[in-house]
N, C-alpha and C. Protein backbone atom coordinates (compact mmCIF):
# COMPACT_ATOMS: atom_id res chain seq x y z
N MET A 1 0.84 -1.20 0.00
CA MET A 1 0.00 0.00 0.00
C MET A 1 0.87 1.25 0.00
N SER A 2 0.43 2.23 -0.76
CA SER A 2 1.15 3.49 -0.77
C SER A 2 0.17 4.60 -0.43
N SER A 3 0.68 5.64 0.18
CA SER A 3 -0.18 6.77 0.55
C SER A 3 -0.07 7.84 -0.52
N ILE A 4 -1.14 8.59 -0.67
CA ILE A 4 -1.17 9.67 -1.65
C ILE A 4 -1.83 10.87 -0.98
N GLN A 5 -1.27 12.05 -1.24
CA GLN A 5 -1.83 13.27 -0.67
C GLN A 5 -3.17 13.58 -1.34
N ALA A 6 -4.11 14.09 -0.57
CA ALA A 6 -5.46 14.37 -1.08
C ALA A 6 -5.44 15.23 -2.34
N THR A 7 -4.54 16.20 -2.40
CA THR A 7 -4.49 17.11 -3.56
C THR A 7 -3.96 16.40 -4.81
N ARG A 8 -3.37 15.22 -4.65
CA ARG A 8 -2.82 14.49 -5.81
C ARG A 8 -3.75 13.39 -6.31
N LEU A 9 -4.91 13.26 -5.69
CA LEU A 9 -5.89 12.29 -6.15
C LEU A 9 -6.37 12.65 -7.54
N LYS A 10 -6.71 11.63 -8.32
CA LYS A 10 -7.24 11.85 -9.66
C LYS A 10 -8.50 11.02 -9.84
N LYS A 11 -9.34 11.45 -10.76
CA LYS A 11 -10.55 10.72 -11.09
C LYS A 11 -10.16 9.31 -11.52
N GLY A 12 -10.85 8.30 -10.96
CA GLY A 12 -10.57 6.92 -11.31
C GLY A 12 -9.65 6.20 -10.33
N ASN A 13 -8.94 6.96 -9.45
CA ASN A 13 -8.07 6.33 -8.45
C ASN A 13 -8.88 5.43 -7.54
N LEU A 14 -8.25 4.39 -7.04
CA LEU A 14 -8.86 3.49 -6.07
C LEU A 14 -8.16 3.70 -4.75
N VAL A 15 -8.92 4.02 -3.70
CA VAL A 15 -8.33 4.26 -2.38
C VAL A 15 -8.99 3.36 -1.35
N LYS A 16 -8.25 3.12 -0.25
CA LYS A 16 -8.75 2.27 0.82
C LYS A 16 -8.98 3.15 2.03
N ILE A 17 -10.22 3.17 2.53
CA ILE A 17 -10.57 3.94 3.73
C ILE A 17 -11.33 2.98 4.65
N ASN A 18 -10.83 2.80 5.87
CA ASN A 18 -11.46 1.90 6.85
C ASN A 18 -11.75 0.52 6.28
N ASN A 19 -10.77 -0.09 5.65
CA ASN A 19 -10.89 -1.44 5.05
C ASN A 19 -11.92 -1.56 3.95
N ASP A 20 -12.39 -0.45 3.40
CA ASP A 20 -13.29 -0.49 2.25
C ASP A 20 -12.59 0.15 1.06
N LEU A 21 -12.92 -0.33 -0.14
CA LEU A 21 -12.33 0.23 -1.36
C LEU A 21 -13.30 1.23 -1.98
N PHE A 22 -12.75 2.36 -2.41
CA PHE A 22 -13.56 3.40 -3.04
C PHE A 22 -12.89 3.86 -4.33
N ARG A 23 -13.71 4.08 -5.35
CA ARG A 23 -13.22 4.65 -6.61
C ARG A 23 -13.55 6.13 -6.60
N VAL A 24 -12.59 6.99 -6.97
CA VAL A 24 -12.81 8.43 -7.04
C VAL A 24 -13.59 8.73 -8.31
N LEU A 25 -14.80 9.31 -8.15
CA LEU A 25 -15.63 9.64 -9.31
C LEU A 25 -15.44 11.09 -9.73
N GLU A 26 -15.41 11.98 -8.76
CA GLU A 26 -15.24 13.42 -9.02
C GLU A 26 -14.43 14.01 -7.90
N LEU A 27 -13.69 15.09 -8.21
CA LEU A 27 -13.03 15.81 -7.14
C LEU A 27 -12.86 17.27 -7.51
N HIS A 28 -12.94 18.12 -6.49
CA HIS A 28 -12.80 19.56 -6.68
C HIS A 28 -11.88 20.09 -5.60
N HIS A 29 -10.89 20.86 -6.02
CA HIS A 29 -10.01 21.54 -5.06
C HIS A 29 -10.67 22.85 -4.70
N VAL A 30 -10.84 23.10 -3.42
CA VAL A 30 -11.50 24.32 -2.96
C VAL A 30 -10.53 25.09 -2.08
N THR A 31 -10.32 26.36 -2.41
CA THR A 31 -9.47 27.22 -1.57
C THR A 31 -10.25 28.48 -1.24
N PRO A 32 -11.01 28.43 -0.15
CA PRO A 32 -11.85 29.57 0.22
C PRO A 32 -11.04 30.69 0.88
N GLY A 33 -11.00 31.84 0.21
CA GLY A 33 -10.39 33.06 0.77
C GLY A 33 -9.14 32.83 1.59
N ASN A 34 -9.18 33.22 2.85
CA ASN A 34 -8.00 33.09 3.71
C ASN A 34 -8.03 31.81 4.54
N LEU A 35 -8.93 30.89 4.24
CA LEU A 35 -9.01 29.63 4.99
C LEU A 35 -8.15 28.58 4.31
N ARG A 36 -7.92 27.48 5.02
CA ARG A 36 -7.13 26.38 4.44
C ARG A 36 -7.91 25.69 3.32
N GLY A 37 -7.20 25.28 2.30
CA GLY A 37 -7.82 24.59 1.18
C GLY A 37 -8.20 23.17 1.55
N PHE A 38 -9.14 22.62 0.79
CA PHE A 38 -9.53 21.23 0.99
C PHE A 38 -9.94 20.64 -0.35
N VAL A 39 -10.13 19.33 -0.37
CA VAL A 39 -10.53 18.63 -1.58
C VAL A 39 -11.88 17.97 -1.30
N ARG A 40 -12.88 18.28 -2.12
CA ARG A 40 -14.19 17.64 -2.00
C ARG A 40 -14.19 16.48 -2.99
N VAL A 41 -14.39 15.26 -2.47
CA VAL A 41 -14.29 14.06 -3.29
C VAL A 41 -15.60 13.28 -3.26
N LYS A 42 -16.01 12.81 -4.44
CA LYS A 42 -17.18 11.92 -4.53
C LYS A 42 -16.64 10.52 -4.82
N PHE A 43 -16.97 9.57 -3.93
CA PHE A 43 -16.50 8.20 -4.03
C PHE A 43 -17.64 7.24 -4.33
N ARG A 44 -17.30 6.09 -4.94
CA ARG A 44 -18.23 4.97 -5.04
C ARG A 44 -17.58 3.79 -4.33
N ASN A 45 -18.32 3.21 -3.38
CA ASN A 45 -17.84 2.04 -2.67
C ASN A 45 -17.84 0.86 -3.64
N ILE A 46 -16.69 0.23 -3.82
CA ILE A 46 -16.54 -0.87 -4.79
C ILE A 46 -17.37 -2.08 -4.40
N ARG A 47 -17.45 -2.38 -3.11
CA ARG A 47 -18.13 -3.60 -2.67
C ARG A 47 -19.66 -3.49 -2.75
N ASN A 48 -20.24 -2.36 -2.34
CA ASN A 48 -21.71 -2.28 -2.33
C ASN A 48 -22.28 -1.24 -3.28
N GLY A 49 -21.42 -0.50 -3.98
CA GLY A 49 -21.89 0.45 -4.99
C GLY A 49 -22.43 1.76 -4.46
N SER A 50 -22.43 1.96 -3.12
CA SER A 50 -22.99 3.19 -2.57
C SER A 50 -22.07 4.38 -2.85
N LEU A 51 -22.67 5.55 -2.95
CA LEU A 51 -21.93 6.79 -3.21
C LEU A 51 -21.73 7.54 -1.91
N SER A 52 -20.60 8.25 -1.80
CA SER A 52 -20.39 9.09 -0.63
C SER A 52 -19.54 10.29 -1.01
N ASP A 53 -19.77 11.39 -0.30
CA ASP A 53 -18.99 12.61 -0.48
C ASP A 53 -18.14 12.81 0.75
N GLN A 54 -16.91 13.26 0.54
CA GLN A 54 -16.05 13.53 1.68
C GLN A 54 -15.25 14.79 1.42
N LYS A 55 -14.94 15.49 2.52
CA LYS A 55 -14.04 16.63 2.45
C LYS A 55 -12.73 16.20 3.08
N LEU A 56 -11.66 16.33 2.32
CA LEU A 56 -10.34 15.97 2.83
C LEU A 56 -9.49 17.23 2.90
N ARG A 57 -8.78 17.41 4.02
CA ARG A 57 -7.87 18.54 4.12
C ARG A 57 -6.75 18.35 3.09
N SER A 58 -6.24 19.43 2.55
CA SER A 58 -5.21 19.36 1.51
C SER A 58 -4.00 18.54 1.94
N GLU A 59 -3.61 18.66 3.22
CA GLU A 59 -2.40 17.97 3.67
C GLU A 59 -2.67 16.52 4.08
N GLU A 60 -3.95 16.12 4.11
CA GLU A 60 -4.32 14.76 4.51
C GLU A 60 -3.83 13.74 3.46
N THR A 61 -3.48 12.55 3.94
CA THR A 61 -3.10 11.50 2.99
C THR A 61 -4.10 10.35 3.09
N VAL A 62 -4.31 9.67 1.97
CA VAL A 62 -5.19 8.50 1.93
C VAL A 62 -4.38 7.33 1.39
N GLU A 63 -4.82 6.14 1.75
CA GLU A 63 -4.12 4.94 1.33
C GLU A 63 -4.58 4.56 -0.08
N ARG A 64 -3.65 4.46 -0.99
CA ARG A 64 -3.99 4.10 -2.36
C ARG A 64 -3.96 2.58 -2.48
N ALA A 65 -4.99 2.01 -3.04
CA ALA A 65 -5.07 0.55 -3.18
C ALA A 65 -4.12 0.10 -4.29
N VAL A 66 -3.34 -0.92 -4.02
CA VAL A 66 -2.43 -1.47 -5.01
C VAL A 66 -3.20 -2.56 -5.78
N LEU A 67 -3.24 -2.40 -7.07
CA LEU A 67 -4.02 -3.31 -7.90
C LEU A 67 -3.12 -4.19 -8.75
N ASP A 68 -3.58 -5.40 -8.99
CA ASP A 68 -2.93 -6.27 -9.97
C ASP A 68 -3.67 -6.05 -11.27
N GLU A 69 -2.92 -5.99 -12.35
CA GLU A 69 -3.54 -5.81 -13.66
C GLU A 69 -3.28 -7.04 -14.51
N ARG A 70 -4.33 -7.50 -15.19
CA ARG A 70 -4.19 -8.63 -16.09
C ARG A 70 -4.82 -8.27 -17.43
N GLU A 71 -4.15 -8.69 -18.48
CA GLU A 71 -4.68 -8.44 -19.81
C GLU A 71 -5.74 -9.50 -20.10
N MET A 72 -6.93 -9.02 -20.51
CA MET A 72 -8.03 -9.94 -20.79
C MET A 72 -8.73 -9.54 -22.08
N GLN A 73 -9.39 -10.52 -22.67
CA GLN A 73 -10.15 -10.28 -23.89
C GLN A 73 -11.63 -10.30 -23.54
N PHE A 74 -12.35 -9.27 -24.01
CA PHE A 74 -13.80 -9.23 -23.79
C PHE A 74 -14.44 -10.19 -24.78
N LEU A 75 -15.25 -11.14 -24.26
CA LEU A 75 -15.88 -12.15 -25.11
C LEU A 75 -17.30 -11.76 -25.52
N TYR A 76 -18.18 -11.60 -24.52
CA TYR A 76 -19.57 -11.28 -24.84
C TYR A 76 -20.29 -10.76 -23.61
N ARG A 77 -21.48 -10.19 -23.87
CA ARG A 77 -22.33 -9.68 -22.80
C ARG A 77 -23.54 -10.60 -22.67
N ASP A 78 -23.89 -10.91 -21.41
CA ASP A 78 -25.05 -11.75 -21.15
C ASP A 78 -25.87 -11.01 -20.09
N GLY A 79 -26.85 -10.21 -20.52
CA GLY A 79 -27.62 -9.39 -19.58
C GLY A 79 -26.71 -8.37 -18.92
N ASP A 80 -26.57 -8.42 -17.59
CA ASP A 80 -25.70 -7.49 -16.88
C ASP A 80 -24.33 -8.08 -16.58
N SER A 81 -24.04 -9.27 -17.12
CA SER A 81 -22.73 -9.89 -16.94
C SER A 81 -21.89 -9.73 -18.20
N PHE A 82 -20.65 -9.34 -18.01
CA PHE A 82 -19.71 -9.19 -19.11
C PHE A 82 -18.64 -10.26 -18.94
N HIS A 83 -18.45 -11.09 -19.96
CA HIS A 83 -17.56 -12.24 -19.87
C HIS A 83 -16.21 -11.93 -20.52
N PHE A 84 -15.14 -12.25 -19.77
CA PHE A 84 -13.78 -11.99 -20.19
C PHE A 84 -12.96 -13.26 -20.13
N MET A 85 -11.86 -13.29 -20.92
CA MET A 85 -10.93 -14.42 -20.88
C MET A 85 -9.52 -13.89 -20.67
N ASP A 86 -8.80 -14.49 -19.71
CA ASP A 86 -7.41 -14.14 -19.45
C ASP A 86 -6.61 -14.54 -20.68
N THR A 87 -5.81 -13.62 -21.24
CA THR A 87 -5.08 -13.92 -22.48
C THR A 87 -3.89 -14.84 -22.24
N GLU A 88 -3.48 -15.05 -20.97
CA GLU A 88 -2.36 -15.95 -20.69
C GLU A 88 -2.85 -17.33 -20.26
N SER A 89 -3.77 -17.38 -19.28
CA SER A 89 -4.22 -18.67 -18.75
C SER A 89 -5.47 -19.20 -19.45
N PHE A 90 -6.12 -18.37 -20.27
CA PHE A 90 -7.37 -18.70 -20.96
C PHE A 90 -8.52 -18.98 -20.01
N GLU A 91 -8.34 -18.60 -18.75
CA GLU A 91 -9.39 -18.74 -17.73
C GLU A 91 -10.47 -17.70 -18.02
N GLN A 92 -11.74 -18.12 -17.93
CA GLN A 92 -12.84 -17.19 -18.19
C GLN A 92 -13.48 -16.73 -16.89
N MET A 93 -13.97 -15.49 -16.89
CA MET A 93 -14.66 -14.94 -15.72
C MET A 93 -15.66 -13.90 -16.19
N HIS A 94 -16.60 -13.56 -15.32
CA HIS A 94 -17.54 -12.50 -15.68
C HIS A 94 -17.47 -11.39 -14.63
N ILE A 95 -17.76 -10.19 -15.10
CA ILE A 95 -17.77 -9.01 -14.24
C ILE A 95 -19.13 -8.35 -14.43
N GLU A 96 -19.76 -7.98 -13.32
CA GLU A 96 -21.08 -7.37 -13.38
C GLU A 96 -21.00 -5.93 -13.91
N ALA A 97 -22.07 -5.50 -14.56
CA ALA A 97 -22.13 -4.16 -15.15
C ALA A 97 -21.90 -3.05 -14.12
N GLU A 98 -22.39 -3.24 -12.87
CA GLU A 98 -22.24 -2.17 -11.88
C GLU A 98 -20.78 -1.96 -11.48
N VAL A 99 -19.94 -3.01 -11.59
CA VAL A 99 -18.51 -2.86 -11.31
C VAL A 99 -17.84 -2.09 -12.45
N LEU A 100 -18.30 -2.34 -13.67
CA LEU A 100 -17.71 -1.70 -14.85
C LEU A 100 -18.16 -0.25 -15.02
N GLY A 101 -19.34 0.10 -14.52
CA GLY A 101 -19.83 1.48 -14.63
C GLY A 101 -19.99 1.92 -16.08
N GLU A 102 -19.55 3.14 -16.37
CA GLU A 102 -19.70 3.71 -17.72
C GLU A 102 -18.86 2.98 -18.77
N SER A 103 -17.88 2.20 -18.32
CA SER A 103 -16.99 1.50 -19.26
C SER A 103 -17.74 0.55 -20.18
N VAL A 104 -18.93 0.09 -19.77
CA VAL A 104 -19.68 -0.88 -20.58
C VAL A 104 -19.99 -0.32 -21.97
N HIS A 105 -20.06 1.00 -22.12
CA HIS A 105 -20.39 1.61 -23.40
C HIS A 105 -19.24 1.55 -24.41
N TYR A 106 -18.07 1.11 -23.95
CA TYR A 106 -16.91 1.11 -24.84
C TYR A 106 -16.36 -0.30 -25.07
N LEU A 107 -17.10 -1.32 -24.64
CA LEU A 107 -16.64 -2.70 -24.78
C LEU A 107 -17.23 -3.34 -26.03
N VAL A 108 -16.35 -3.79 -26.92
CA VAL A 108 -16.79 -4.52 -28.11
C VAL A 108 -16.13 -5.90 -28.08
N PRO A 109 -16.86 -6.95 -28.52
CA PRO A 109 -16.30 -8.30 -28.49
C PRO A 109 -14.91 -8.36 -29.14
N ASP A 110 -14.05 -9.19 -28.55
CA ASP A 110 -12.67 -9.42 -28.98
C ASP A 110 -11.70 -8.30 -28.62
N ALA A 111 -12.19 -7.24 -27.96
CA ALA A 111 -11.29 -6.16 -27.54
C ALA A 111 -10.40 -6.66 -26.41
N THR A 112 -9.13 -6.33 -26.45
CA THR A 112 -8.20 -6.69 -25.38
C THR A 112 -8.04 -5.49 -24.48
N ILE A 113 -8.32 -5.68 -23.19
CA ILE A 113 -8.26 -4.58 -22.23
C ILE A 113 -7.54 -5.04 -20.96
N THR A 114 -7.23 -4.08 -20.11
CA THR A 114 -6.60 -4.39 -18.83
C THR A 114 -7.66 -4.41 -17.75
N VAL A 115 -7.75 -5.54 -17.02
CA VAL A 115 -8.70 -5.66 -15.91
C VAL A 115 -7.92 -5.49 -14.62
N GLU A 116 -8.45 -4.64 -13.73
CA GLU A 116 -7.79 -4.36 -12.45
C GLU A 116 -8.38 -5.27 -11.38
N PHE A 117 -7.49 -5.92 -10.61
CA PHE A 117 -7.91 -6.81 -9.54
C PHE A 117 -7.38 -6.30 -8.21
N TYR A 118 -8.21 -6.40 -7.18
CA TYR A 118 -7.76 -6.15 -5.81
C TYR A 118 -7.88 -7.50 -5.13
N GLY A 119 -6.75 -8.14 -4.89
CA GLY A 119 -6.76 -9.52 -4.42
C GLY A 119 -7.27 -10.37 -5.57
N THR A 120 -8.37 -11.09 -5.37
CA THR A 120 -8.94 -11.91 -6.46
C THR A 120 -10.19 -11.26 -7.06
N ASP A 121 -10.60 -10.10 -6.51
CA ASP A 121 -11.82 -9.44 -6.99
C ASP A 121 -11.53 -8.46 -8.12
N PRO A 122 -12.23 -8.60 -9.26
CA PRO A 122 -12.08 -7.58 -10.30
C PRO A 122 -12.77 -6.29 -9.82
N VAL A 123 -12.08 -5.17 -9.92
CA VAL A 123 -12.65 -3.92 -9.43
C VAL A 123 -12.81 -2.86 -10.51
N GLY A 124 -12.38 -3.15 -11.72
CA GLY A 124 -12.53 -2.17 -12.79
C GLY A 124 -11.70 -2.55 -13.99
N ILE A 125 -11.82 -1.74 -15.03
CA ILE A 125 -11.03 -1.98 -16.24
C ILE A 125 -10.38 -0.68 -16.69
N GLU A 126 -9.29 -0.83 -17.41
CA GLU A 126 -8.59 0.32 -17.97
C GLU A 126 -8.84 0.28 -19.47
N LEU A 127 -9.46 1.32 -19.98
CA LEU A 127 -9.81 1.36 -21.39
C LEU A 127 -8.72 2.06 -22.21
N PRO A 128 -8.66 1.75 -23.51
CA PRO A 128 -7.76 2.53 -24.37
C PRO A 128 -8.31 3.95 -24.48
N PRO A 129 -7.51 4.93 -24.92
CA PRO A 129 -7.99 6.33 -25.00
C PRO A 129 -9.18 6.50 -25.96
N THR A 130 -9.22 5.68 -27.03
CA THR A 130 -10.33 5.77 -27.98
C THR A 130 -10.79 4.38 -28.38
N VAL A 131 -12.04 4.27 -28.82
CA VAL A 131 -12.56 3.03 -29.39
C VAL A 131 -13.31 3.36 -30.67
N ASP A 132 -13.31 2.39 -31.60
CA ASP A 132 -14.04 2.54 -32.85
C ASP A 132 -15.32 1.73 -32.75
N LEU A 133 -16.46 2.40 -32.93
CA LEU A 133 -17.75 1.75 -32.80
C LEU A 133 -18.60 1.99 -34.04
N VAL A 134 -19.45 1.02 -34.37
CA VAL A 134 -20.32 1.12 -35.55
C VAL A 134 -21.59 1.89 -35.18
N VAL A 135 -22.00 2.80 -36.06
CA VAL A 135 -23.24 3.56 -35.88
C VAL A 135 -24.40 2.63 -36.22
N GLU A 136 -25.28 2.36 -35.25
CA GLU A 136 -26.42 1.48 -35.48
C GLU A 136 -27.63 2.24 -35.99
N ASP A 137 -27.78 3.48 -35.52
CA ASP A 137 -28.96 4.23 -35.91
C ASP A 137 -28.70 5.72 -35.81
N THR A 138 -29.00 6.43 -36.89
CA THR A 138 -28.93 7.89 -36.89
C THR A 138 -29.76 8.40 -38.05
N ALA A 139 -30.08 9.69 -38.03
CA ALA A 139 -30.84 10.29 -39.14
C ALA A 139 -29.99 10.18 -40.40
N PRO A 140 -30.64 10.09 -41.58
CA PRO A 140 -29.86 9.97 -42.83
C PRO A 140 -28.89 11.13 -43.00
N GLY A 141 -27.75 10.83 -43.62
CA GLY A 141 -26.73 11.86 -43.87
C GLY A 141 -27.22 12.87 -44.88
N ILE A 142 -26.63 14.04 -44.83
CA ILE A 142 -27.00 15.10 -45.77
C ILE A 142 -25.90 15.20 -46.81
N LYS A 143 -26.26 15.08 -48.10
CA LYS A 143 -25.28 15.14 -49.18
C LYS A 143 -24.56 16.49 -49.16
N GLY A 144 -23.24 16.41 -49.28
CA GLY A 144 -22.45 17.63 -49.35
C GLY A 144 -22.27 18.32 -48.00
N ALA A 145 -22.72 17.70 -46.92
CA ALA A 145 -22.59 18.34 -45.61
C ALA A 145 -21.13 18.32 -45.18
N THR A 146 -20.71 19.39 -44.58
CA THR A 146 -19.35 19.45 -44.05
C THR A 146 -19.44 19.56 -42.54
N ALA A 147 -18.33 19.29 -41.90
CA ALA A 147 -18.31 19.38 -40.43
C ALA A 147 -18.57 20.83 -40.04
N SER A 148 -19.68 21.05 -39.38
CA SER A 148 -20.01 22.41 -38.95
C SER A 148 -20.53 22.32 -37.53
N ALA A 149 -21.17 23.37 -37.09
CA ALA A 149 -21.69 23.38 -35.72
C ALA A 149 -22.90 22.46 -35.57
N GLN A 150 -23.47 21.98 -36.69
CA GLN A 150 -24.64 21.10 -36.61
C GLN A 150 -24.22 19.69 -36.20
N VAL A 151 -25.01 19.09 -35.33
CA VAL A 151 -24.78 17.70 -34.93
C VAL A 151 -26.12 16.98 -34.86
N LYS A 152 -26.04 15.65 -34.89
CA LYS A 152 -27.25 14.83 -34.73
C LYS A 152 -26.89 13.66 -33.83
N PRO A 153 -27.86 13.14 -33.06
CA PRO A 153 -27.56 12.00 -32.19
C PRO A 153 -27.41 10.72 -33.01
N ALA A 154 -26.50 9.85 -32.57
CA ALA A 154 -26.31 8.56 -33.21
C ALA A 154 -26.18 7.50 -32.12
N ARG A 155 -26.94 6.39 -32.28
CA ARG A 155 -26.83 5.28 -31.33
C ARG A 155 -25.80 4.31 -31.88
N LEU A 156 -24.80 3.99 -31.04
CA LEU A 156 -23.71 3.12 -31.47
C LEU A 156 -23.99 1.68 -31.06
N GLU A 157 -23.17 0.75 -31.54
CA GLU A 157 -23.39 -0.69 -31.33
C GLU A 157 -23.46 -1.10 -29.87
N THR A 158 -22.87 -0.33 -28.96
CA THR A 158 -22.88 -0.69 -27.54
C THR A 158 -24.03 -0.04 -26.79
N GLY A 159 -24.84 0.76 -27.50
CA GLY A 159 -25.96 1.45 -26.85
C GLY A 159 -25.63 2.89 -26.50
N LEU A 160 -24.36 3.28 -26.60
CA LEU A 160 -23.94 4.64 -26.30
C LEU A 160 -24.52 5.58 -27.36
N VAL A 161 -25.02 6.74 -26.92
CA VAL A 161 -25.53 7.74 -27.85
C VAL A 161 -24.57 8.92 -27.82
N VAL A 162 -24.06 9.28 -29.01
CA VAL A 162 -23.15 10.43 -29.13
C VAL A 162 -23.66 11.36 -30.22
N ASN A 163 -23.24 12.61 -30.15
CA ASN A 163 -23.57 13.56 -31.19
C ASN A 163 -22.51 13.48 -32.28
N VAL A 164 -22.97 13.33 -33.52
CA VAL A 164 -22.05 13.21 -34.66
C VAL A 164 -22.39 14.28 -35.69
N PRO A 165 -21.43 14.60 -36.58
CA PRO A 165 -21.71 15.56 -37.66
C PRO A 165 -22.75 15.00 -38.63
N PRO A 166 -23.41 15.87 -39.41
CA PRO A 166 -24.49 15.42 -40.29
C PRO A 166 -24.06 14.44 -41.38
N PHE A 167 -22.77 14.39 -41.75
CA PHE A 167 -22.34 13.50 -42.84
C PHE A 167 -22.12 12.04 -42.41
N VAL A 168 -22.24 11.74 -41.11
CA VAL A 168 -22.05 10.36 -40.63
C VAL A 168 -23.36 9.58 -40.82
N ASN A 169 -23.24 8.37 -41.40
CA ASN A 169 -24.42 7.55 -41.70
C ASN A 169 -24.44 6.26 -40.91
N THR A 170 -25.63 5.64 -40.83
CA THR A 170 -25.80 4.33 -40.21
C THR A 170 -24.86 3.33 -40.89
N GLY A 171 -24.20 2.48 -40.08
CA GLY A 171 -23.30 1.47 -40.64
C GLY A 171 -21.85 1.89 -40.68
N GLU A 172 -21.57 3.18 -40.52
CA GLU A 172 -20.18 3.65 -40.53
C GLU A 172 -19.56 3.48 -39.15
N LYS A 173 -18.23 3.41 -39.14
CA LYS A 173 -17.51 3.33 -37.87
C LYS A 173 -17.04 4.72 -37.48
N VAL A 174 -17.20 5.03 -36.19
CA VAL A 174 -16.72 6.32 -35.69
C VAL A 174 -15.77 6.09 -34.51
N ARG A 175 -14.84 7.00 -34.33
CA ARG A 175 -13.91 6.93 -33.21
C ARG A 175 -14.45 7.80 -32.08
N VAL A 176 -14.52 7.21 -30.86
CA VAL A 176 -15.09 7.89 -29.70
C VAL A 176 -14.05 7.92 -28.58
N SER A 177 -13.95 9.04 -27.88
CA SER A 177 -13.06 9.16 -26.74
C SER A 177 -13.67 8.42 -25.55
N THR A 178 -12.90 7.54 -24.91
CA THR A 178 -13.42 6.82 -23.74
C THR A 178 -13.39 7.70 -22.50
N ASP A 179 -12.67 8.80 -22.58
CA ASP A 179 -12.57 9.72 -21.44
C ASP A 179 -13.79 10.64 -21.37
N THR A 180 -14.15 11.22 -22.52
CA THR A 180 -15.25 12.20 -22.54
C THR A 180 -16.54 11.64 -23.13
N GLY A 181 -16.45 10.52 -23.87
CA GLY A 181 -17.63 9.95 -24.51
C GLY A 181 -18.07 10.75 -25.72
N GLU A 182 -17.14 11.51 -26.32
CA GLU A 182 -17.49 12.36 -27.46
C GLU A 182 -16.95 11.78 -28.76
N TYR A 183 -17.66 12.09 -29.85
CA TYR A 183 -17.24 11.72 -31.20
C TYR A 183 -15.94 12.45 -31.52
N LEU A 184 -14.97 11.73 -32.10
CA LEU A 184 -13.71 12.38 -32.50
C LEU A 184 -13.58 12.46 -34.02
N SER A 185 -13.84 11.32 -34.71
CA SER A 185 -13.69 11.31 -36.16
C SER A 185 -14.32 10.02 -36.71
N ARG A 186 -14.34 9.94 -38.05
CA ARG A 186 -14.69 8.66 -38.66
C ARG A 186 -13.52 7.72 -38.45
N ALA A 187 -13.80 6.43 -38.39
CA ALA A 187 -12.70 5.46 -38.20
C ALA A 187 -12.37 4.76 -39.50
């Protein structure tokens, strides 16, 4: 275990507080006038999924959870279970949608990703910076349209809805940022 100062926490970090694991969802550094600064953090409890807000003094340290990472291949989705295979041992396992959170929108079959484990429990996944997804449904493209301020919603193969330029059509592949969930370009 390593300690990390509250001001150095980042979104997505996993920390251990009172023998419970928490994922950092949001954080804001607050420095009110002549008072001491603090960090307001929104956590999700990994074990039970509950949300909590905490104020940490800037100089306070929290215990950072040390994770094992294994490369795995995403196989398929079965309801709220996502099935993965270890690329070295070929051992298969499933991870529930609530553990994966928003990451489920960026998982396509056969994708190789890094799964984070705390002990033997999978606690999350590390996604690549971008993914290429097929547009399943969107309004018809406009001939001669160029990238402008106009956008239209498009439903992608994973169920994610993003705003795309008018020239993108159903059946095309688009590149999406896994960080912001925004359309970047055609793939």
